[in-house]
Amino acid sequence: MEDQEIRKAGLKVTAPRLKILELLEKCGERHVSAEEVYRLLLADGEEIGLATVYRVLTQFEAAGLVERHKFEDGYSVFELNRGEHHDHIVCVTCGKVEEFLDETIEQRQREIAAERGYEIGDHSLIIYGRCRDSECPNRSKK
């Protein structure tokens, strides 16, 4: 399946592209940085350089296979573009990112745009907060 997706995106099928796409599939809804992709590849015994990881992720983004997000911490994370809209909530303490979709929020955004004479082309909603996970490894022990 992965090689078909790469071909459909107009890219040549190469081993690094296949491995990176496969890894992103395994990550599911988790958002990963280029550095994390690189570390996961190394852990799997793959010899793909960090520069190659950055280049492939940028190519995937340009081809529409992945989406890049820059959350409050300033570095980019990537997720597969599954063609479905969703919003994000981000923990400013540990960096955990969760996806959600709320039709009430979506409807209200459409209403606001219409009231102001706009047609929504795209939008992004990111909520920043602190998770209440008592097991969070980055949570202060205070």
Protein backbone atom coordinates (compact mmCIF):
# COMPACT_ATOMS: atom_id res chain seq x y z
CA MET A 1 0.00 0.00 0.00
CA GLU A 2 2.78 2.46 0.90
CA ASP A 3 4.49 2.30 -2.51
CA GLN A 4 1.16 3.02 -4.23
CA GLU A 5 0.69 6.10 -2.04
CA ILE A 6 4.18 7.32 -2.88
CA ARG A 7 3.61 6.78 -6.61
CA LYS A 8 0.20 8.51 -6.48
CA ALA A 9 1.93 11.49 -4.87
CA GLY A 10 4.25 11.68 -7.89
CA LEU A 11 7.37 10.54 -6.05
CA LYS A 12 9.79 7.78 -6.94
CA VAL A 13 9.56 4.78 -4.63
CA THR A 14 12.78 4.51 -2.63
CA ALA A 15 13.71 2.47 0.43
CA PRO A 16 13.99 5.54 2.72
CA ARG A 17 10.58 6.85 1.58
CA LEU A 18 8.99 3.45 2.14
CA LYS A 19 10.54 3.05 5.59
CA ILE A 20 9.52 6.55 6.70
CA LEU A 21 5.96 6.14 5.42
CA GLU A 22 5.71 2.74 7.12
CA LEU A 23 6.94 4.25 10.39
CA LEU A 24 4.39 7.07 10.17
CA GLU A 25 1.66 4.47 9.60
CA LYS A 26 2.79 2.65 12.76
CA CYS A 27 2.66 5.88 14.76
CA GLY A 28 -1.08 6.15 14.11
CA GLU A 29 -2.45 9.39 15.51
CA ARG A 30 0.80 10.24 17.28
CA HIS A 31 2.57 13.36 15.98
CA VAL A 32 6.32 12.90 15.53
CA SER A 33 9.23 15.23 14.89
CA ALA A 34 11.85 14.56 12.23
CA GLU A 35 14.33 13.80 15.02
CA GLU A 36 11.95 11.27 16.54
CA VAL A 37 11.45 9.61 13.13
CA TYR A 38 15.24 9.41 12.84
CA ARG A 39 15.62 7.87 16.33
CA LEU A 40 12.85 5.32 15.64
CA LEU A 41 14.50 4.33 12.37
CA LEU A 42 17.84 3.87 14.14
CA ALA A 43 16.14 1.74 16.79
CA ASP A 44 14.77 -0.45 13.98
CA GLY A 45 18.29 -0.86 12.58
CA GLU A 46 17.69 1.41 9.59
CA GLU A 47 20.62 3.46 8.32
CA ILE A 48 18.82 6.55 7.09
CA GLY A 49 20.45 9.89 7.84
CA LEU A 50 18.74 12.77 9.59
CA ALA A 51 19.11 14.97 6.49
CA THR A 52 17.31 12.30 4.44
CA VAL A 53 14.51 12.16 7.02
CA TYR A 54 14.03 15.94 6.80
CA ARG A 55 14.13 15.84 2.98
CA VAL A 56 11.61 12.98 2.73
CA LEU A 57 9.21 14.58 5.22
CA THR A 58 9.37 17.85 3.29
CA GLN A 59 8.70 15.97 0.04
CA PHE A 60 5.79 14.12 1.66
CA GLU A 61 4.39 17.43 2.90
CA ALA A 62 4.65 19.02 -0.56
CA ALA A 63 2.94 15.94 -2.05
CA GLY A 64 0.14 16.07 0.53
CA LEU A 65 1.00 12.77 2.21
CA VAL A 66 1.79 14.36 5.58
CA GLU A 67 0.80 17.48 7.45
CA ARG A 68 3.32 19.57 9.34
CA HIS A 69 2.28 21.32 12.53
CA LYS A 70 4.19 23.90 14.54
CA PHE A 71 2.77 23.97 18.00
CA GLU A 72 3.74 26.36 20.80
CA ASP A 73 7.13 24.77 21.49
CA GLY A 74 8.29 25.94 18.06
CA TYR A 75 9.45 22.70 16.47
CA SER A 76 7.63 20.88 13.71
CA VAL A 77 5.79 17.62 14.11
CA PHE A 78 4.30 15.50 11.37
CA GLU A 79 1.27 13.29 10.95
CA LEU A 80 -0.11 11.36 8.02
CA ASN A 81 -2.69 13.26 6.02
CA ARG A 82 -5.68 10.95 6.22
CA GLY A 83 -7.94 13.45 4.46
CA GLU A 84 -10.11 14.06 7.50
CA HIS A 85 -10.26 17.38 9.32
CA HIS A 86 -9.52 17.44 13.04
CA ASP A 87 -8.30 19.91 15.63
CA HIS A 88 -5.63 19.54 18.30
CA ILE A 89 -5.19 19.97 22.03
CA VAL A 90 -1.58 20.24 23.22
CA CYS A 91 -0.12 19.86 26.71
CA VAL A 92 2.36 22.69 27.30
CA THR A 93 4.02 20.65 30.06
CA CYS A 94 4.74 17.31 28.40
CA GLY A 95 4.07 18.05 24.72
CA LYS A 96 1.36 15.42 24.32
CA VAL A 97 -0.88 16.14 21.31
CA GLU A 98 -4.41 14.82 21.03
CA GLU A 99 -6.72 15.08 18.06
CA PHE A 100 -10.42 15.82 18.37
CA LEU A 101 -13.39 16.76 16.26
CA ASP A 102 -16.37 18.60 17.70
CA GLU A 103 -19.24 19.28 15.32
CA THR A 104 -20.60 22.09 17.53
CA ILE A 105 -17.30 23.96 17.21
CA GLU A 106 -17.15 23.27 13.47
CA GLN A 107 -20.70 24.56 12.97
CA ARG A 108 -20.04 27.69 15.01
CA GLN A 109 -16.93 28.45 12.94
CA ARG A 110 -18.97 28.15 9.73
CA GLU A 111 -21.60 30.49 11.19
CA ILE A 112 -18.99 33.08 12.22
CA ALA A 113 -17.41 32.98 8.76
CA ALA A 114 -20.81 33.35 7.06
CA GLU A 115 -21.84 36.23 9.36
CA ARG A 116 -18.71 38.08 8.30
CA GLY A 117 -19.07 37.27 4.61
CA TYR A 118 -16.43 34.54 4.37
CA GLU A 119 -16.39 31.05 2.99
CA ILE A 120 -13.97 28.84 4.91
CA GLY A 121 -11.21 27.36 2.77
CA ASP A 122 -9.29 25.81 5.63
CA HIS A 123 -8.84 26.40 9.32
CA SER A 124 -6.92 25.18 12.32
CA LEU A 125 -7.85 25.13 15.98
CA ILE A 126 -5.21 24.39 18.60
CA ILE A 127 -6.03 24.40 22.29
CA TYR A 128 -3.09 24.69 24.70
CA GLY A 129 -3.37 23.47 28.26
CA ARG A 130 -1.83 21.19 30.86
CA CYS A 131 -2.75 17.52 30.92
CA ARG A 132 -3.93 16.09 34.21
CA ASP A 133 -2.04 12.82 33.71
CA SER A 134 -0.53 12.07 37.12
CA GLU A 135 1.90 9.66 35.40
CA CYS A 136 3.15 12.33 32.98
CA PRO A 137 6.97 12.03 32.89
CA ASN A 138 7.33 15.80 32.38
CA ARG A 139 4.88 16.86 35.06
CA SER A 140 6.32 18.82 37.96
CA LYS A 141 6.30 16.81 41.22
CA LYS A 142 5.20 19.84 43.30
